[in-house]
Amino acid sequence: MILVSIVIMGIMGIPIGNPKFITNAIALESTFIVLAALSLWRLKYTLVPNMIIAIVVIIGNTASPKHIEIMSTFEPLGNAIVLIVGGYLLQGCFQQQI
């Protein structure tokens, strides 16, 4: 369920994100979709890749000055919500679930 929520947040975030990174966003989102599908089939095969990607997302959000600015000022509000919920809350929940 958490992976599905991550996929939904990612799909919502792609159109409001920076168009310069659309290819990277689609690739990352595709990875989460594949991992969610594989998790339904064999969860034990996807645990390590899921953990690695979740950690990369959290570190990427934290290391990006633009993301930090958006999350601290809530400007634009939609981007801030997607970054906080999708990039920290859901990723953190996924880490706790494992």
Protein backbone atom coordinates (compact mmCIF):
# COMPACT_ATOMS: atom_id res chain seq x y z
CA MET A 1 0.00 0.00 0.00
CA ILE A 2 2.85 2.39 0.77
CA LEU A 3 4.49 1.74 -2.59
CA VAL A 4 1.19 2.43 -4.33
CA SER A 5 0.91 5.68 -2.36
CA ILE A 6 4.46 6.61 -3.40
CA VAL A 7 3.54 5.94 -7.04
CA ILE A 8 0.41 8.10 -6.75
CA MET A 9 2.35 10.98 -5.17
CA GLY A 10 5.02 10.68 -7.85
CA ILE A 11 2.46 10.78 -10.64
CA MET A 12 0.95 13.89 -9.05
CA GLY A 13 4.40 15.47 -8.69
CA ILE A 14 5.70 14.95 -12.23
CA PRO A 15 3.51 17.62 -13.89
CA ILE A 16 4.29 20.26 -11.23
CA GLY A 17 8.02 19.57 -11.12
CA ASN A 18 10.83 21.16 -13.08
CA PRO A 19 10.42 20.30 -16.78
CA LYS A 20 14.21 20.05 -17.05
CA PHE A 21 14.10 16.84 -14.98
CA ILE A 22 11.05 15.20 -16.57
CA THR A 23 13.07 12.28 -17.94
CA ASN A 24 14.62 11.56 -14.54
CA ALA A 25 11.23 11.84 -12.84
CA ILE A 26 9.59 9.43 -15.27
CA ALA A 27 12.47 6.95 -14.90
CA LEU A 28 12.29 7.06 -11.11
CA GLU A 29 8.49 6.77 -11.15
CA SER A 30 8.70 3.82 -13.56
CA THR A 31 11.10 2.13 -11.16
CA PHE A 32 8.62 2.51 -8.30
CA ILE A 33 5.80 1.15 -10.48
CA VAL A 34 7.86 -1.92 -11.43
CA LEU A 35 8.90 -2.47 -7.81
CA ALA A 36 5.29 -2.15 -6.63
CA ALA A 37 4.22 -4.75 -9.19
CA LEU A 38 7.10 -7.06 -8.26
CA SER A 39 6.31 -6.63 -4.56
CA LEU A 40 2.88 -8.11 -5.15
CA TRP A 41 4.54 -11.14 -6.70
CA ARG A 42 7.67 -11.67 -4.56
CA LEU A 43 8.21 -9.17 -1.77
CA LYS A 44 11.54 -10.63 -0.68
CA TYR A 45 13.13 -9.86 -4.08
CA THR A 46 12.23 -6.19 -3.92
CA LEU A 47 13.13 -5.22 -0.36
CA VAL A 48 16.74 -4.21 -0.99
CA PRO A 49 16.05 -2.22 -4.21
CA ASN A 50 13.11 -0.49 -2.52
CA MET A 51 15.25 0.47 0.46
CA ILE A 52 18.04 1.80 -1.76
CA ILE A 53 15.68 3.89 -3.89
CA ALA A 54 13.88 5.25 -0.81
CA ILE A 55 17.18 6.29 0.74
CA VAL A 56 18.30 7.91 -2.53
CA VAL A 57 15.03 9.88 -2.72
CA ILE A 58 15.36 11.10 0.88
CA ILE A 59 19.01 12.09 0.39
CA GLY A 60 18.22 13.75 -2.94
CA ASN A 61 15.44 15.83 -1.43
CA THR A 62 17.66 16.83 1.47
CA ALA A 63 20.69 17.65 -0.71
CA SER A 64 18.77 19.84 -3.16
CA PRO A 65 18.81 23.51 -2.12
CA LYS A 66 15.75 24.17 -4.29
CA HIS A 67 13.79 21.39 -2.59
CA ILE A 68 14.78 22.67 0.84
CA GLU A 69 13.65 26.17 -0.16
CA ILE A 70 10.30 24.89 -1.44
CA MET A 71 9.69 22.79 1.68
CA SER A 72 10.67 25.56 4.10
CA THR A 73 8.69 28.35 2.43
CA PHE A 74 5.78 26.24 1.14
CA GLU A 75 6.02 28.17 -2.12
CA PRO A 76 4.57 26.75 -4.34
CA LEU A 77 2.29 24.92 -1.93
CA GLY A 78 1.54 21.94 -4.20
CA ASN A 79 5.23 21.20 -4.75
CA ALA A 80 5.95 21.46 -1.02
CA ILE A 81 3.18 19.01 -0.16
CA VAL A 82 4.35 16.50 -2.78
CA LEU A 83 7.98 16.79 -1.62
CA ILE A 84 7.19 16.42 2.07
CA VAL A 85 4.56 13.68 1.80
CA GLY A 86 6.12 11.73 -1.06
CA GLY A 87 9.77 12.39 -0.33
CA TYR A 88 9.85 12.00 3.44
CA LEU A 89 6.62 10.76 5.00
CA LEU A 90 5.90 7.87 2.62
CA GLN A 91 9.56 6.97 2.13
CA GLY A 92 10.05 6.94 5.91
CA CYS A 93 6.92 4.82 6.39
CA PHE A 94 8.23 2.39 3.82
CA GLN A 95 11.56 2.12 5.67
CA GLN A 96 9.71 1.43 8.94
CA GLN A 97 7.54 -1.21 7.26
CA ILE A 98 10.58 -3.22 6.21
